Amino acid sequence: MTLEDAVRKMTSLPANLLGLYDRGRIAPGMAADIVIFDPNTIQDTATYAKPAVYPTGIDMVLVNGTIAVDHGKGTGELAGEVLRHRSSLKMTGVQ
């Protein structure tokens, strides 16, 4: 699998399946959720004993255009929001 295909399968594909059409792609009018990473060094370092450990190889994360991780360290910014599957809102009655 190519890196591009892997990224698509983790971003735009699930976003579209969930009806979140303003997510998963970099384009005008889209939410700016971006992860800048080094594909040669990215690695999950969390364990069951230490689940809140940042992975290596991720330099920056932007959530709604706000920097949430900078040089691999959390900034404390909380720019995210709860996203729900569009059709699940109808099934649960959540507005």
N, C-alpha and C. Protein backbone atom coordinates (compact mmCIF):
# COMPACT_ATOMS: atom_id res chain seq x y z
N MET A 1 0.85 -1.16 0.00
CA MET A 1 0.00 0.00 0.00
C MET A 1 0.90 1.24 0.00
N THR A 2 0.55 2.22 -0.80
CA THR A 2 1.33 3.45 -0.84
C THR A 2 0.99 4.33 0.36
N LEU A 3 1.88 5.25 0.69
CA LEU A 3 1.63 6.19 1.77
C LEU A 3 0.37 7.01 1.48
N GLU A 4 0.22 7.43 0.25
CA GLU A 4 -0.95 8.23 -0.14
C GLU A 4 -2.25 7.46 0.08
N ASP A 5 -2.25 6.18 -0.28
CA ASP A 5 -3.45 5.36 -0.10
C ASP A 5 -3.73 5.15 1.39
N ALA A 6 -2.69 4.93 2.17
CA ALA A 6 -2.87 4.76 3.62
C ALA A 6 -3.45 6.02 4.25
N VAL A 7 -2.96 7.18 3.85
CA VAL A 7 -3.48 8.45 4.38
C VAL A 7 -4.94 8.63 3.99
N ARG A 8 -5.28 8.33 2.74
CA ARG A 8 -6.68 8.45 2.29
C ARG A 8 -7.59 7.53 3.10
N LYS A 9 -7.12 6.31 3.38
CA LYS A 9 -7.93 5.35 4.13
C LYS A 9 -8.11 5.75 5.59
N MET A 10 -7.26 6.66 6.08
CA MET A 10 -7.39 7.13 7.47
C MET A 10 -8.03 8.51 7.56
N THR A 11 -8.29 9.16 6.43
CA THR A 11 -8.78 10.54 6.46
C THR A 11 -10.08 10.70 5.67
N SER A 12 -9.98 10.95 4.37
CA SER A 12 -11.17 11.27 3.58
C SER A 12 -12.14 10.11 3.45
N LEU A 13 -11.64 8.89 3.34
CA LEU A 13 -12.54 7.74 3.19
C LEU A 13 -13.47 7.58 4.39
N PRO A 14 -12.96 7.47 5.62
CA PRO A 14 -13.88 7.34 6.76
C PRO A 14 -14.72 8.60 6.98
N ALA A 15 -14.14 9.78 6.72
CA ALA A 15 -14.92 11.00 6.89
C ALA A 15 -16.14 10.99 5.98
N ASN A 16 -15.95 10.61 4.73
CA ASN A 16 -17.07 10.55 3.79
C ASN A 16 -18.08 9.48 4.19
N LEU A 17 -17.60 8.33 4.64
CA LEU A 17 -18.51 7.27 5.07
C LEU A 17 -19.37 7.71 6.25
N LEU A 18 -18.82 8.58 7.09
CA LEU A 18 -19.55 9.09 8.26
C LEU A 18 -20.35 10.35 7.96
N GLY A 19 -20.30 10.81 6.72
CA GLY A 19 -21.04 12.01 6.34
C GLY A 19 -20.39 13.30 6.82
N LEU A 20 -19.10 13.25 7.14
CA LEU A 20 -18.37 14.43 7.61
C LEU A 20 -17.61 15.02 6.41
N TYR A 21 -18.35 15.66 5.53
CA TYR A 21 -17.81 16.09 4.25
C TYR A 21 -16.87 17.28 4.34
N ASP A 22 -16.79 17.95 5.50
CA ASP A 22 -15.86 19.06 5.67
C ASP A 22 -14.56 18.61 6.33
N ARG A 23 -14.32 17.30 6.38
CA ARG A 23 -13.14 16.72 7.02
C ARG A 23 -12.43 15.78 6.06
N GLY A 24 -11.14 15.53 6.34
CA GLY A 24 -10.43 14.48 5.63
C GLY A 24 -9.69 14.89 4.38
N ARG A 25 -9.79 16.15 3.97
CA ARG A 25 -9.06 16.64 2.80
C ARG A 25 -8.54 18.03 3.09
N ILE A 26 -7.49 18.42 2.39
CA ILE A 26 -6.97 19.79 2.48
C ILE A 26 -7.50 20.53 1.26
N ALA A 27 -8.44 21.44 1.50
CA ALA A 27 -9.05 22.22 0.43
C ALA A 27 -9.75 23.42 1.06
N PRO A 28 -9.99 24.47 0.27
CA PRO A 28 -10.70 25.64 0.81
C PRO A 28 -12.05 25.25 1.40
N GLY A 29 -12.38 25.81 2.55
CA GLY A 29 -13.65 25.56 3.21
C GLY A 29 -13.68 24.33 4.10
N MET A 30 -12.60 23.56 4.11
CA MET A 30 -12.53 22.35 4.93
C MET A 30 -11.97 22.71 6.31
N ALA A 31 -12.30 21.91 7.32
CA ALA A 31 -11.71 22.07 8.64
C ALA A 31 -10.22 21.78 8.54
N ALA A 32 -9.40 22.57 9.19
CA ALA A 32 -7.95 22.40 9.10
C ALA A 32 -7.45 21.46 10.19
N ASP A 33 -7.69 20.17 10.00
CA ASP A 33 -7.16 19.12 10.87
C ASP A 33 -6.01 18.48 10.11
N ILE A 34 -4.78 18.75 10.54
CA ILE A 34 -3.60 18.33 9.80
C ILE A 34 -2.57 17.73 10.75
N VAL A 35 -1.97 16.62 10.34
CA VAL A 35 -0.87 16.00 11.08
C VAL A 35 0.36 16.04 10.19
N ILE A 36 1.44 16.63 10.70
CA ILE A 36 2.70 16.67 9.96
C ILE A 36 3.62 15.63 10.61
N PHE A 37 4.01 14.64 9.82
CA PHE A 37 4.79 13.53 10.38
C PHE A 37 5.89 13.10 9.43
N ASP A 38 6.86 12.39 9.98
CA ASP A 38 7.95 11.80 9.21
C ASP A 38 7.62 10.32 9.03
N PRO A 39 7.34 9.89 7.81
CA PRO A 39 6.96 8.49 7.61
C PRO A 39 8.06 7.50 7.96
N ASN A 40 9.30 7.96 8.05
CA ASN A 40 10.41 7.07 8.38
C ASN A 40 10.58 6.86 9.89
N THR A 41 10.02 7.77 10.69
CA THR A 41 10.23 7.66 12.14
C THR A 41 8.96 7.56 12.96
N ILE A 42 7.80 7.64 12.31
CA ILE A 42 6.54 7.60 13.07
C ILE A 42 6.38 6.23 13.74
N GLN A 43 6.04 6.27 15.03
CA GLN A 43 5.89 5.02 15.78
C GLN A 43 5.03 5.28 17.01
N ASP A 44 4.09 4.38 17.25
CA ASP A 44 3.27 4.44 18.44
C ASP A 44 4.10 3.95 19.62
N THR A 45 4.22 4.76 20.67
CA THR A 45 5.02 4.38 21.83
C THR A 45 4.17 4.11 23.06
N ALA A 46 2.86 4.24 22.94
CA ALA A 46 1.97 3.99 24.08
C ALA A 46 1.90 2.50 24.38
N THR A 47 1.67 2.20 25.65
CA THR A 47 1.50 0.83 26.09
C THR A 47 0.27 0.77 26.99
N TYR A 48 -0.15 -0.42 27.38
CA TYR A 48 -1.27 -0.53 28.31
C TYR A 48 -0.90 0.12 29.64
N ALA A 49 0.34 -0.01 30.05
CA ALA A 49 0.79 0.57 31.32
C ALA A 49 0.90 2.10 31.23
N LYS A 50 1.28 2.60 30.04
CA LYS A 50 1.43 4.04 29.83
C LYS A 50 0.71 4.44 28.55
N PRO A 51 -0.63 4.56 28.60
CA PRO A 51 -1.40 4.82 27.38
C PRO A 51 -1.33 6.27 26.89
N ALA A 52 -0.96 7.21 27.75
CA ALA A 52 -0.97 8.62 27.38
C ALA A 52 0.41 9.11 26.97
N VAL A 53 1.11 8.34 26.15
CA VAL A 53 2.43 8.72 25.67
C VAL A 53 2.30 9.09 24.19
N TYR A 54 2.86 10.25 23.83
CA TYR A 54 2.79 10.68 22.44
C TYR A 54 3.63 9.76 21.55
N PRO A 55 3.20 9.53 20.32
CA PRO A 55 4.01 8.76 19.39
C PRO A 55 5.23 9.57 18.95
N THR A 56 6.25 8.90 18.45
CA THR A 56 7.40 9.60 17.88
C THR A 56 7.15 9.82 16.40
N GLY A 57 7.86 10.78 15.82
CA GLY A 57 7.77 11.04 14.39
C GLY A 57 6.68 12.01 14.00
N ILE A 58 5.88 12.49 14.95
CA ILE A 58 4.84 13.49 14.66
C ILE A 58 5.35 14.83 15.15
N ASP A 59 5.59 15.74 14.20
CA ASP A 59 6.15 17.04 14.56
C ASP A 59 5.08 18.05 14.95
N MET A 60 3.96 18.04 14.24
CA MET A 60 2.94 19.05 14.50
C MET A 60 1.55 18.50 14.19
N VAL A 61 0.56 18.92 15.00
CA VAL A 61 -0.84 18.58 14.77
C VAL A 61 -1.64 19.87 14.87
N LEU A 62 -2.43 20.14 13.84
CA LEU A 62 -3.34 21.27 13.86
C LEU A 62 -4.76 20.73 13.95
N VAL A 63 -5.54 21.27 14.87
CA VAL A 63 -6.94 20.90 15.04
C VAL A 63 -7.76 22.17 14.82
N ASN A 64 -8.61 22.14 13.82
CA ASN A 64 -9.38 23.33 13.42
C ASN A 64 -8.48 24.54 13.23
N GLY A 65 -7.29 24.30 12.69
CA GLY A 65 -6.36 25.37 12.39
C GLY A 65 -5.54 25.86 13.57
N THR A 66 -5.72 25.26 14.73
CA THR A 66 -4.99 25.63 15.94
C THR A 66 -3.94 24.57 16.24
N ILE A 67 -2.72 25.01 16.55
CA ILE A 67 -1.64 24.05 16.82
C ILE A 67 -1.88 23.38 18.17
N ALA A 68 -2.08 22.06 18.13
CA ALA A 68 -2.32 21.27 19.33
C ALA A 68 -1.07 20.52 19.78
N VAL A 69 -0.20 20.17 18.83
CA VAL A 69 1.08 19.53 19.11
C VAL A 69 2.14 20.27 18.31
N ASP A 70 3.21 20.68 18.98
CA ASP A 70 4.29 21.40 18.32
C ASP A 70 5.61 20.77 18.70
N HIS A 71 6.38 20.34 17.70
CA HIS A 71 7.65 19.64 17.93
C HIS A 71 7.46 18.44 18.86
N GLY A 72 6.36 17.72 18.65
CA GLY A 72 6.11 16.49 19.39
C GLY A 72 5.56 16.67 20.79
N LYS A 73 5.27 17.90 21.20
CA LYS A 73 4.76 18.15 22.56
C LYS A 73 3.41 18.85 22.49
N GLY A 74 2.48 18.45 23.36
CA GLY A 74 1.17 19.06 23.41
C GLY A 74 1.26 20.52 23.82
N THR A 75 0.43 21.37 23.21
CA THR A 75 0.44 22.81 23.53
C THR A 75 -0.60 23.17 24.57
N GLY A 76 -1.52 22.26 24.86
CA GLY A 76 -2.60 22.58 25.80
C GLY A 76 -3.82 23.20 25.12
N GLU A 77 -3.71 23.50 23.83
CA GLU A 77 -4.84 24.06 23.09
C GLU A 77 -5.91 22.99 22.89
N LEU A 78 -7.16 23.36 23.08
CA LEU A 78 -8.28 22.43 22.92
C LEU A 78 -9.24 22.99 21.88
N ALA A 79 -8.90 22.85 20.62
CA ALA A 79 -9.69 23.42 19.54
C ALA A 79 -10.65 22.42 18.91
N GLY A 80 -10.64 21.18 19.38
CA GLY A 80 -11.48 20.15 18.78
C GLY A 80 -12.92 20.26 19.18
N GLU A 81 -13.74 19.46 18.55
CA GLU A 81 -15.16 19.40 18.87
C GLU A 81 -15.63 17.96 18.65
N VAL A 82 -16.71 17.60 19.29
CA VAL A 82 -17.26 16.26 19.13
C VAL A 82 -17.88 16.15 17.73
N LEU A 83 -17.49 15.10 17.00
CA LEU A 83 -18.04 14.83 15.68
C LEU A 83 -18.88 13.57 15.77
N ARG A 84 -20.07 13.63 15.22
CA ARG A 84 -20.96 12.48 15.25
C ARG A 84 -21.33 12.08 13.83
N HIS A 85 -21.52 10.79 13.65
CA HIS A 85 -21.98 10.26 12.37
C HIS A 85 -23.32 10.92 12.07
N ARG A 86 -23.47 11.48 10.89
CA ARG A 86 -24.68 12.24 10.55
C ARG A 86 -25.96 11.41 10.70
N SER A 87 -25.99 10.18 10.21
CA SER A 87 -27.21 9.40 10.29
C SER A 87 -27.49 8.91 11.72
N SER A 88 -26.43 8.78 12.56
CA SER A 88 -26.65 8.34 13.93
C SER A 88 -27.41 9.38 14.73
N LEU A 89 -27.33 10.64 14.31
CA LEU A 89 -28.07 11.69 15.01
C LEU A 89 -29.57 11.46 14.87
N LYS A 90 -30.02 11.00 13.71
CA LYS A 90 -31.43 10.74 13.48
C LYS A 90 -31.88 9.53 14.29
N MET A 91 -31.01 8.50 14.38
CA MET A 91 -31.38 7.29 15.07
C MET A 91 -31.48 7.49 16.58
N THR A 92 -30.62 8.34 17.14
CA THR A 92 -30.58 8.51 18.59
C THR A 92 -31.45 9.67 19.06
N GLY A 93 -31.87 10.50 18.11
CA GLY A 93 -32.66 11.66 18.49
C GLY A 93 -31.82 12.82 18.97
N VAL A 94 -30.48 12.73 18.89
CA VAL A 94 -29.59 13.81 19.30
C VAL A 94 -29.67 14.91 18.27
N GLN A 95 -29.75 16.11 18.73
CA GLN A 95 -29.82 17.27 17.81
C GLN A 95 -28.52 18.01 17.78
